[in-house]
Structure formats: C-alpha cells, structure tokens
Amino acid sequence: MGNRYSRGFAGRVLAILLSFLLSPLSGFCQNPGGAPQRAGDIAALDPAATRNGTTAKAREAVFWNDTLETNASGRMRVSLGDGSILSLGSNTQMKVVQHDAAAQQTTLEMLFGKLRNQVVKLTQPNAKYEVKTPTAVAGVIGTDFVLIVTADKTTVIVFSGIVQVTPIGAAVTSGTTSTQAVRVNPGQQVEVTAVSGVGPVTAVSASLIQQLTVATAVSRAGLTAGTVAVQASSHVLRNVLLGVAAVAAGTATGVAVANQSHSSPKPPSGPTIPPR
C-alpha cells in the first residue's frame, strides 16, 4: 500500500514539474496579459544586426511588431512559426507586423534593403502573406522571391511561385501612372516606383538570381553560431529535465521510506546511484 502510494505521488510530482517546464518552458514562449505574440525565431545571423534597436542574438524570439535591422556587415535569417523563412541582406530594415501561423496570416513591412521570402504554401481559408513597401504590396500564395526596396522604388524578383504586385502611395494617387496590379511568374521581375507606378514585367538572368541568393544568405560563421545556440539550449533543457526526474525520484524514495518505517522496524536500504 505504501509503495503504491509513493509511486503515485512521485508520478504526480513529476507530471506537474514537467508540465511547468514544457508549456512552453515556463511561459517564456507565451506572453499573457496582451503582450506581443511570438512570430518566430532568429535562426542565424551575422553581427551588426538588431531587434528593436538592441543587439540581436541567434535563437532569440521574434514577436509581432518587432523591427529587425542589419547594417553594412549584418545579415539575418528568421524562421517564422509556419515554416516560412526570411533572409535579410545587409542594410535592411523590416517589421513583422503580424504572423499567425495557425491562420496563415502574415503581414510584413519593409522600408529599405534586400529581403528574401521563402514562403510555405498557404492552405487555410482567407490565408495571406504580404509584404508592404513604400511603393508596393507583394502578395503570395506560396513562393520564393526577393524584394529590393528603397524609399521610391520596389523591385520584385521571383525565384519560384507567383507574386502579385500592387502599387500603393504616390504610384496610385498621381492619376498618371500605371496602377494595375501585375502577376510576376518564376524567373521574372518588375519594378514599382513612386513616379511611374508599375513597370513592365521582364525576365531575370541566372546571374542576378545567384547574386541575390548570395546577398541575402547568412555566412557560414553566422549559421554555425545559430547551430551552437540550438545545441546549447537543448543541453540546458535536457539537464533541467534530468534534474526534475532526480527530484521526483528522491521524493518517491523519501515517501517510501517514511511509509515503510511505520510498518517495519527495519528501514529498507536506499537505491544505488551510479556515478555520472
């Protein structure tokens, strides 16, 4: 009777502690009370990158309304909750306005720089993925494309899938520019300017695609730093769980000893703990 009680008590202790740690990690991933919702993580980066004006770190969480920026030597890769990947080139600033992975609702704002978007296929009703710039909105269903943005021009280069590009701002209100949305297919590009609106859709050279792939990629050192951070965090979690298990086992042993001491004059010998 005492042993069954001790085992049940230990099981409840372990379940409570594990639930606390893994839901998720004691609340580090969820922010109650109206705090910003988590959009994803910084998977890797080269130094000289910031999140909301402070130095960014690999494996750091990214939340709704966070502003990410790189300078001349910085680059950053962000993994969104739905599996999409954002690759920021140097001298780039963008804002994650919204990313609801379950509903597949994503809105980004980009002020300047180069941004590669590797977007998972959108399957949910009313799903959307759009990037707003000063002169255009790029909307996709599931594709791989790059945006090159300045204050008065947006260039959209599509690697795969289809991107619908819609002019906004001065390009729409001037009344003398092309205001029609256009569809850009794989291997094509289009420019949208504040003065001329939507330009012609033209073919993209293989050399430009290769150049943009390199320009938005994090260096090997940056990727390695992100991998080390992942391994370190997994080791921390493993050690915490081992510690919890040890506490629960110790509690079970103590309860069993206490129970059996009331029914037997001779206390049981303790378990042998192997060396680490």
Protein backbone atom coordinates (compact mmCIF):
# COMPACT_ATOMS: atom_id res chain seq x y z
CA MET A 1 0.00 0.00 0.00
CA GLY A 2 2.75 2.41 0.94
CA ASN A 3 4.75 1.64 -2.20
CA ARG A 4 1.74 2.18 -4.47
CA TYR A 5 1.03 5.49 -2.76
CA SER A 6 4.64 6.63 -3.10
CA ARG A 7 4.78 5.72 -6.77
CA GLY A 8 1.55 7.61 -7.44
CA PHE A 9 2.76 10.65 -5.51
CA ALA A 10 6.08 10.67 -7.38
CA GLY A 11 4.27 10.38 -10.69
CA ARG A 12 2.10 13.38 -9.85
CA VAL A 13 5.12 15.43 -8.78
CA LEU A 14 6.97 14.59 -11.98
CA ALA A 15 3.94 15.36 -14.16
CA ILE A 16 3.42 18.75 -12.50
CA LEU A 17 7.06 19.75 -12.84
CA LEU A 18 7.32 18.58 -16.44
CA SER A 19 4.11 20.39 -17.35
CA PHE A 20 5.50 23.57 -15.82
CA LEU A 21 8.72 23.27 -17.80
CA LEU A 22 7.22 22.29 -21.12
CA SER A 23 4.26 24.63 -21.51
CA PRO A 24 6.35 26.04 -23.06
CA LEU A 25 9.43 26.40 -20.88
CA SER A 26 7.65 28.05 -18.01
CA GLY A 27 5.92 30.69 -20.11
CA PHE A 28 8.93 32.04 -21.96
CA CYS A 29 7.22 31.43 -25.29
CA GLN A 30 3.79 32.74 -24.29
CA ASN A 31 3.12 36.23 -23.10
CA PRO A 32 -0.18 36.62 -21.24
CA GLY A 33 -1.82 39.91 -20.46
CA GLY A 34 -1.86 41.28 -24.00
CA ALA A 35 1.90 41.07 -24.56
CA PRO A 36 3.12 40.71 -28.17
CA GLN A 37 2.59 37.31 -29.75
CA ARG A 38 5.52 35.24 -30.88
CA ALA A 39 6.10 35.17 -34.65
CA GLY A 40 9.24 33.03 -34.86
CA ASP A 41 12.95 32.97 -34.05
CA ILE A 42 16.22 34.38 -35.33
CA ALA A 43 17.70 31.20 -36.78
CA ALA A 44 21.11 32.66 -37.63
CA LEU A 45 22.79 36.00 -38.15
CA ASP A 46 25.98 37.83 -38.88
CA PRO A 47 26.84 40.50 -36.30
CA ALA A 48 25.72 44.11 -36.68
CA ALA A 49 22.03 43.21 -36.63
CA THR A 50 19.42 44.50 -34.19
CA ARG A 51 15.93 43.70 -32.94
CA ASN A 52 14.01 46.78 -31.79
CA GLY A 53 17.24 48.77 -31.64
CA THR A 54 19.18 46.33 -29.43
CA THR A 55 21.78 43.77 -30.49
CA ALA A 56 20.11 40.68 -31.94
CA LYS A 57 21.16 37.18 -30.91
CA ALA A 58 20.83 33.78 -32.56
CA ARG A 59 17.78 31.82 -31.33
CA GLU A 60 16.21 34.99 -29.96
CA ALA A 61 12.42 35.10 -30.21
CA VAL A 62 10.76 37.47 -32.67
CA PHE A 63 7.35 38.89 -31.77
CA TRP A 64 4.61 40.77 -33.58
CA ASN A 65 5.56 44.40 -34.29
CA ASP A 66 9.28 43.71 -33.85
CA THR A 67 11.61 45.73 -36.09
CA LEU A 68 14.65 43.89 -37.46
CA GLU A 69 17.57 45.74 -39.00
CA THR A 70 21.02 44.99 -40.37
CA ASN A 71 23.86 47.36 -41.22
CA ALA A 72 26.55 47.12 -43.90
CA SER A 73 28.07 43.90 -42.48
CA GLY A 74 24.99 42.34 -40.92
CA ARG A 75 22.62 39.66 -42.23
CA MET A 76 19.85 37.72 -40.56
CA ARG A 77 17.72 34.63 -41.10
CA VAL A 78 14.34 34.39 -39.36
CA SER A 79 12.26 31.21 -39.11
CA LEU A 80 8.56 32.03 -38.85
CA GLY A 81 6.12 29.84 -37.00
CA ASP A 82 4.59 28.34 -40.16
CA GLY A 83 7.95 27.28 -41.58
CA SER A 84 8.49 30.29 -43.85
CA ILE A 85 11.99 31.79 -43.85
CA LEU A 86 13.01 35.43 -44.07
CA SER A 87 16.58 36.26 -45.13
CA LEU A 88 17.63 39.87 -44.58
CA GLY A 89 20.58 41.14 -46.57
CA SER A 90 22.84 43.95 -45.38
CA ASN A 91 21.46 47.47 -44.83
CA THR A 92 17.91 46.18 -44.48
CA GLN A 93 15.04 47.15 -42.19
CA MET A 94 11.75 45.31 -41.88
CA LYS A 95 8.93 44.97 -39.37
CA VAL A 96 7.00 41.80 -38.55
CA VAL A 97 3.56 43.37 -38.22
CA GLN A 98 1.72 40.06 -37.87
CA HIS A 99 2.37 36.35 -38.21
CA ASP A 100 -0.42 33.97 -37.21
CA ALA A 101 0.92 30.54 -38.10
CA ALA A 102 -2.36 28.69 -37.48
CA ALA A 103 -4.46 31.03 -39.63
CA GLN A 104 -1.57 31.65 -42.06
CA GLN A 105 -1.97 35.41 -41.81
CA THR A 106 1.31 37.26 -42.31
CA THR A 107 1.96 40.96 -42.83
CA LEU A 108 5.46 42.45 -43.09
CA GLU A 109 6.59 46.00 -43.67
CA MET A 110 9.88 46.76 -45.35
CA LEU A 111 11.40 50.22 -45.52
CA PHE A 112 14.67 49.50 -47.32
CA GLY A 113 17.20 46.82 -48.21
CA LYS A 114 17.03 43.27 -49.57
CA LEU A 115 14.68 40.60 -48.23
CA ARG A 116 14.28 37.03 -49.47
CA ASN A 117 10.93 35.40 -48.65
CA GLN A 118 10.72 31.60 -48.76
CA VAL A 119 7.02 31.14 -48.11
CA VAL A 120 5.25 27.87 -47.37
CA LYS A 121 2.14 27.08 -49.38
CA LEU A 122 -0.94 28.80 -47.95
CA THR A 123 -3.82 26.37 -47.47
CA GLN A 124 -6.04 27.94 -44.80
CA PRO A 125 -9.22 29.85 -45.73
CA ASN A 126 -8.51 33.59 -46.11
CA ALA A 127 -4.78 32.95 -45.72
CA LYS A 128 -2.45 35.73 -46.82
CA TYR A 129 1.22 36.59 -46.94
CA GLU A 130 2.05 40.13 -47.94
CA VAL A 131 4.98 42.49 -47.73
CA LYS A 132 4.29 46.23 -47.79
CA THR A 133 6.93 48.68 -49.01
CA PRO A 134 6.74 52.46 -49.53
CA THR A 135 5.60 51.92 -53.14
CA ALA A 136 4.01 48.46 -53.40
CA VAL A 137 2.40 45.44 -51.78
CA ALA A 138 3.69 41.98 -52.72
CA GLY A 139 1.24 39.17 -52.01
CA VAL A 140 1.87 35.46 -52.48
CA ILE A 141 0.30 32.04 -52.12
CA GLY A 142 3.50 30.07 -51.62
CA THR A 143 6.71 31.05 -53.30
CA ASP A 144 10.34 32.17 -53.13
CA PHE A 145 11.07 35.77 -54.04
CA VAL A 146 13.32 38.71 -53.26
CA LEU A 147 12.41 42.35 -52.61
CA ILE A 148 14.87 45.18 -53.20
CA VAL A 149 13.44 48.31 -51.60
CA THR A 150 14.32 51.99 -51.46
CA ALA A 151 12.17 54.95 -50.48
CA ASP A 152 10.88 55.44 -54.03
CA LYS A 153 11.30 52.07 -55.76
CA THR A 154 10.46 48.41 -55.13
CA THR A 155 11.91 45.63 -57.28
CA VAL A 156 10.33 42.17 -57.03
CA ILE A 157 12.31 39.17 -58.33
CA VAL A 158 10.53 35.80 -58.29
CA PHE A 159 12.52 32.57 -57.98
CA SER A 160 9.50 30.23 -57.83
CA GLY A 161 5.73 30.52 -57.48
CA ILE A 162 3.70 33.60 -58.38
CA VAL A 163 3.70 37.03 -56.72
CA GLN A 164 1.00 39.63 -57.21
CA VAL A 165 2.42 43.16 -57.02
CA THR A 166 0.13 46.12 -56.35
CA PRO A 167 1.32 49.75 -56.39
CA ILE A 168 0.43 51.98 -53.44
CA GLY A 169 1.05 55.52 -52.24
CA ALA A 170 2.04 58.10 -54.84
CA ALA A 171 2.08 55.46 -57.55
CA VAL A 172 -1.69 55.09 -57.12
CA THR A 173 -2.79 58.62 -56.34
CA SER A 174 -0.93 60.51 -59.06
CA GLY A 175 -3.54 59.64 -61.69
CA THR A 176 -0.96 59.50 -64.48
CA THR A 177 0.86 56.30 -63.60
CA SER A 178 0.15 52.60 -64.09
CA THR A 179 -1.92 51.49 -61.09
CA GLN A 180 -2.82 47.97 -62.18
CA ALA A 181 -1.66 45.01 -60.12
CA VAL A 182 0.55 42.57 -62.03
CA ARG A 183 1.40 38.90 -61.60
CA VAL A 184 5.08 38.05 -61.64
CA ASN A 185 5.96 34.46 -62.57
CA PRO A 186 9.11 32.41 -61.85
CA GLY A 187 12.21 33.89 -63.46
CA GLN A 188 10.61 37.32 -63.83
CA GLN A 189 10.92 40.70 -62.17
CA VAL A 190 9.06 44.01 -62.02
CA GLU A 191 9.78 47.47 -60.68
CA VAL A 192 7.27 49.78 -58.97
CA THR A 193 8.26 53.42 -58.49
CA ALA A 194 6.58 56.37 -56.84
CA VAL A 195 6.73 58.31 -60.11
CA SER A 196 5.96 55.76 -62.82
CA GLY A 197 3.96 53.12 -60.98
CA VAL A 198 4.24 49.54 -62.23
CA GLY A 199 6.83 48.94 -64.91
CA PRO A 200 6.97 46.08 -67.42
CA VAL A 201 7.47 42.51 -66.27
CA THR A 202 10.81 41.29 -67.61
CA ALA A 203 12.96 38.16 -67.46
CA VAL A 204 15.58 37.72 -64.74
CA SER A 205 19.07 36.50 -65.58
CA ALA A 206 20.52 33.46 -63.82
CA SER A 207 23.47 35.56 -62.69
CA LEU A 208 21.14 38.03 -60.91
CA ILE A 209 19.34 35.20 -59.13
CA GLN A 210 22.67 33.81 -57.97
CA GLN A 211 23.83 37.25 -56.87
CA LEU A 212 20.69 37.85 -54.80
CA THR A 213 20.86 34.39 -53.24
CA VAL A 214 24.38 35.17 -52.01
CA ALA A 215 23.47 38.71 -50.95
CA THR A 216 20.72 37.52 -48.59
CA ALA A 217 22.49 34.45 -47.18
CA VAL A 218 23.97 34.34 -43.68
CA SER A 219 27.68 33.46 -43.62
CA ARG A 220 28.95 30.06 -42.52
CA ALA A 221 30.09 31.61 -39.23
CA GLY A 222 26.63 33.02 -38.60
CA LEU A 223 24.97 29.68 -39.34
CA THR A 224 27.43 27.90 -37.04
CA ALA A 225 26.64 30.31 -34.21
CA GLY A 226 22.95 29.59 -34.61
CA THR A 227 23.58 25.83 -34.54
CA VAL A 228 25.71 26.11 -31.39
CA ALA A 229 22.96 28.13 -29.73
CA VAL A 230 20.40 25.44 -30.59
CA GLN A 231 22.63 22.71 -29.18
CA ALA A 232 23.30 24.72 -26.03
CA SER A 233 19.59 25.31 -25.44
CA SER A 234 18.85 21.61 -25.94
CA HIS A 235 21.56 20.70 -23.40
CA VAL A 236 20.06 23.14 -20.91
CA LEU A 237 16.60 21.62 -21.36
CA ARG A 238 17.99 18.10 -21.04
CA ASN A 239 19.81 18.97 -17.81
CA VAL A 240 16.69 20.63 -16.39
CA LEU A 241 14.57 17.56 -17.17
CA LEU A 242 17.18 15.26 -15.65
CA GLY A 243 17.18 17.42 -12.55
CA VAL A 244 13.39 17.25 -12.34
CA ALA A 245 13.47 13.47 -12.69
CA ALA A 246 16.08 13.26 -9.92
CA VAL A 247 13.93 15.41 -7.63
CA ALA A 248 10.88 13.27 -8.32
CA ALA A 249 12.85 10.06 -7.74
CA GLY A 250 14.24 11.43 -4.49
CA THR A 251 10.75 12.42 -3.36
CA ALA A 252 9.43 8.95 -4.15
CA THR A 253 12.26 7.30 -2.19
CA GLY A 254 11.67 9.56 0.79
CA VAL A 255 7.93 8.82 0.83
CA ALA A 256 8.52 5.09 0.51
CA VAL A 257 10.98 5.09 3.41
CA ALA A 258 8.62 7.11 5.55
CA ASN A 259 5.69 4.80 4.83
CA GLN A 260 7.60 1.60 5.41
CA SER A 261 9.13 2.89 8.64
CA HIS A 262 5.64 2.75 10.19
CA SER A 263 5.09 -0.88 9.23
CA SER A 264 8.60 -2.36 9.59
CA PRO A 265 11.21 -1.91 12.32
CA LYS A 266 13.99 -2.23 9.76
CA PRO A 267 14.20 0.56 7.17
CA PRO A 268 14.93 -0.50 3.59
CA SER A 269 18.33 0.18 2.10
CA GLY A 270 18.48 3.09 -0.33
CA PRO A 271 18.96 2.66 -4.09
CA THR A 272 22.44 2.56 -5.53
CA ILE A 273 23.12 5.72 -7.60
CA PRO A 274 25.60 5.07 -10.44
CA PRO A 275 28.43 7.59 -10.84
CA ARG A 276 27.97 10.23 -13.57
